[in-house]
Protein backbone atom coordinates (compact mmCIF):
# COMPACT_ATOMS: atom_id res chain seq x y z
CA MET A 1 -50.98 7.71 -211.43
CA LEU A 2 -51.36 4.82 -213.84
CA THR A 3 -53.51 1.86 -212.92
CA GLU A 4 -51.79 -1.36 -211.99
CA ASN A 5 -50.52 -3.31 -215.01
CA ALA A 6 -51.49 -0.53 -217.46
CA VAL A 7 -48.08 -0.63 -219.14
CA ASP A 8 -48.30 -4.40 -219.71
CA ALA A 9 -51.92 -4.19 -220.86
CA CYS A 10 -51.08 -1.51 -223.43
CA ALA A 11 -48.08 -3.52 -224.62
CA ARG A 12 -50.34 -6.55 -225.09
CA LEU A 13 -52.80 -4.52 -227.17
CA ARG A 14 -49.99 -3.00 -229.24
CA GLY A 15 -48.58 -6.50 -229.79
CA ALA A 16 -52.02 -7.59 -231.03
CA GLY A 17 -51.86 -4.82 -233.64
CA PHE A 18 -54.05 -2.18 -232.04
CA LEU A 19 -53.44 1.56 -232.18
CA LEU A 20 -53.69 3.12 -228.74
CA VAL A 21 -55.53 6.44 -228.63
CA VAL A 22 -56.68 8.10 -225.42
CA VAL A 23 -59.60 10.54 -225.43
CA THR A 24 -60.08 12.51 -222.24
CA ASN A 25 -62.32 15.27 -220.91
CA GLN A 26 -60.44 17.84 -218.82
CA PRO A 27 -63.09 20.42 -217.86
CA ASP A 28 -61.02 21.71 -214.94
CA VAL A 29 -59.12 23.84 -217.45
CA ALA A 30 -62.34 25.57 -218.57
CA ARG A 31 -63.37 25.91 -214.92
CA GLY A 32 -60.08 27.59 -214.05
CA SER A 33 -59.02 25.06 -211.41
CA GLN A 34 -56.25 23.53 -213.55
CA ARG A 35 -53.75 24.95 -216.04
CA ARG A 36 -53.64 23.57 -219.56
CA GLU A 37 -49.85 23.30 -219.37
CA THR A 38 -50.17 20.99 -216.36
CA VAL A 39 -52.67 18.73 -218.13
CA ASP A 40 -50.48 18.68 -221.25
CA ALA A 41 -47.42 17.68 -219.18
CA ILE A 42 -49.32 14.87 -217.44
CA ASN A 43 -50.64 13.58 -220.77
CA ALA A 44 -47.17 13.70 -222.33
CA GLU A 45 -45.83 11.54 -219.49
CA VAL A 46 -48.76 9.09 -219.76
CA ARG A 47 -48.23 8.91 -223.52
CA ARG A 48 -44.53 8.17 -223.03
CA ARG A 49 -45.00 5.56 -220.31
CA LEU A 50 -47.83 3.69 -222.06
CA VAL A 51 -46.37 4.12 -225.57
CA LEU A 52 -49.63 5.61 -226.85
CA ASP A 53 -50.13 6.60 -230.47
CA ASP A 54 -52.20 9.66 -229.61
CA VAL A 55 -53.88 11.56 -226.79
CA ARG A 56 -56.93 13.71 -227.57
CA VAL A 57 -58.11 16.21 -224.97
CA CYS A 58 -61.31 18.21 -224.63
CA PHE A 59 -60.71 21.21 -222.38
CA HIS A 60 -64.35 22.38 -222.54
CA ASP A 61 -67.07 22.20 -219.92
CA ASP A 62 -70.62 20.93 -220.49
CA SER A 63 -71.95 24.46 -220.98
CA ASP A 64 -69.67 24.90 -224.02
CA ARG A 65 -71.71 22.30 -225.93
CA CYS A 66 -68.76 21.34 -228.09
CA ALA A 67 -68.53 18.31 -230.38
CA CYS A 68 -65.46 16.93 -228.62
CA ARG A 69 -66.58 16.60 -224.99
CA LYS A 70 -67.66 13.07 -224.23
CA PRO A 71 -70.37 11.77 -224.50
CA ALA A 72 -70.13 13.46 -227.90
CA PRO A 73 -68.03 11.31 -230.24
CA GLY A 74 -65.99 14.17 -231.74
CA MET A 75 -62.57 13.18 -230.44
CA LEU A 76 -63.10 9.59 -231.59
CA LEU A 77 -64.32 10.65 -235.02
CA THR A 78 -61.42 13.05 -235.54
CA ALA A 79 -58.85 10.49 -234.42
CA ALA A 80 -60.45 7.86 -236.67
CA ALA A 81 -60.22 10.17 -239.68
CA GLU A 82 -56.61 11.14 -239.01
CA TRP A 83 -55.38 7.63 -238.15
CA ARG A 84 -57.65 5.83 -240.67
CA ILE A 85 -59.28 3.80 -237.92
CA ASP A 86 -62.32 1.64 -238.63
CA LEU A 87 -64.41 2.42 -235.59
CA ARG A 88 -66.60 -0.66 -236.14
CA GLU A 89 -63.47 -2.72 -235.45
CA SER A 90 -62.44 -0.58 -232.49
CA PHE A 91 -63.00 -0.65 -228.75
CA MET A 92 -63.76 2.24 -226.44
CA VAL A 93 -62.67 1.43 -222.89
CA GLY A 94 -63.78 3.74 -220.13
CA ASP A 95 -64.84 3.99 -216.52
CA ARG A 96 -67.65 6.54 -216.85
CA TRP A 97 -70.99 6.60 -218.65
CA ARG A 98 -69.69 9.40 -220.91
CA ASP A 99 -66.97 7.10 -222.24
CA ILE A 100 -69.40 4.31 -223.08
CA GLU A 101 -71.88 6.67 -224.72
CA ALA A 102 -69.15 8.34 -226.80
CA GLY A 103 -67.96 4.93 -227.98
CA ARG A 104 -71.50 3.87 -228.83
CA ARG A 105 -72.18 7.08 -230.79
CA ALA A 106 -68.92 6.60 -232.70
CA GLY A 107 -69.79 3.00 -233.58
CA CYS A 108 -67.18 1.29 -231.38
CA ARG A 109 -67.61 -1.73 -229.19
CA THR A 110 -67.63 -0.55 -225.60
CA ILE A 111 -66.08 -1.84 -222.40
CA LEU A 112 -66.90 -0.42 -218.99
CA VAL A 113 -64.18 -0.70 -216.37
CA ASP A 114 -66.48 -0.64 -213.35
CA ARG A 115 -64.85 1.37 -210.58
CA GLY A 116 -68.02 1.50 -208.52
CA TYR A 117 -68.88 5.14 -209.21
CA GLY A 118 -72.57 4.25 -208.96
CA GLU A 119 -73.62 6.40 -211.90
CA GLU A 120 -77.32 5.79 -212.37
CA VAL A 121 -77.24 5.77 -216.14
CA ASP A 122 -78.55 2.94 -218.27
CA LEU A 123 -75.29 1.59 -219.62
CA ASN A 124 -75.26 -1.44 -221.81
CA PRO A 125 -71.61 -1.82 -222.69
CA ASP A 126 -70.56 -4.74 -224.85
CA HIS A 127 -68.44 -5.91 -221.93
CA ARG A 128 -68.02 -4.98 -218.27
CA THR A 129 -64.93 -5.69 -216.20
CA MET A 130 -63.19 -4.54 -213.04
CA SER A 131 -59.79 -3.52 -214.48
CA PHE A 132 -58.12 -2.13 -217.57
CA GLU A 133 -55.89 -5.21 -217.65
CA ALA A 134 -58.98 -7.46 -217.88
CA ALA A 135 -60.41 -5.20 -220.58
CA ALA A 136 -57.20 -5.52 -222.60
CA SER A 137 -57.29 -9.30 -222.24
CA TRP A 138 -60.90 -9.38 -223.45
CA ILE A 139 -60.04 -7.17 -226.44
CA ALA A 140 -57.05 -9.34 -227.36
CA THR A 141 -59.24 -12.44 -227.11
CA CYS A 142 -61.88 -10.83 -229.34
CA GLY A 143 -59.25 -9.99 -231.91
CA GLU A 144 -57.95 -13.56 -231.88
CA ARG A 145 -61.47 -14.95 -232.34
CA GLU A 146 -62.19 -12.58 -235.21
CA VAL A 147 -59.04 -13.65 -237.01
CA THR A 148 -60.11 -17.30 -236.76
CA GLY A 149 -63.68 -16.47 -237.76
CA GLU A 150 -65.41 -17.26 -234.45
CA ARG A 151 -68.34 -15.08 -233.49
CA VAL A 152 -67.69 -12.82 -230.51
CA GLU A 153 -70.59 -12.00 -228.18
């Protein structure tokens, strides 16, 4: 299920000139409680509905110690290389500490969508908000300020 206003938020970001790339951990495949085909079908539908440029998936579990599973920045680095993305000018939006840490390690600005998970990890995202829609608005505002030369904090 998509979050409320996700379609409009993605359209706003696309209209502001951003590429939309999703990076997602799906360890249930490695754990045997979900089939890869099911995850692929869900991601294809999300990609279609949100008009995403790319979806990157890590199917590993923590014990695999791969370079792609967040908080490792592998999926972000690979996407940046393939799409020619300047990660210093990019935003990583996520609702878990792993998302924020992956974005930080990749050199992105980070936005935590706080869903009240209560993870006791020292997160210092560049911005914190309660919804993806608010995150998209903040990103669009940052982009507008950068174009006019204002400093964004």
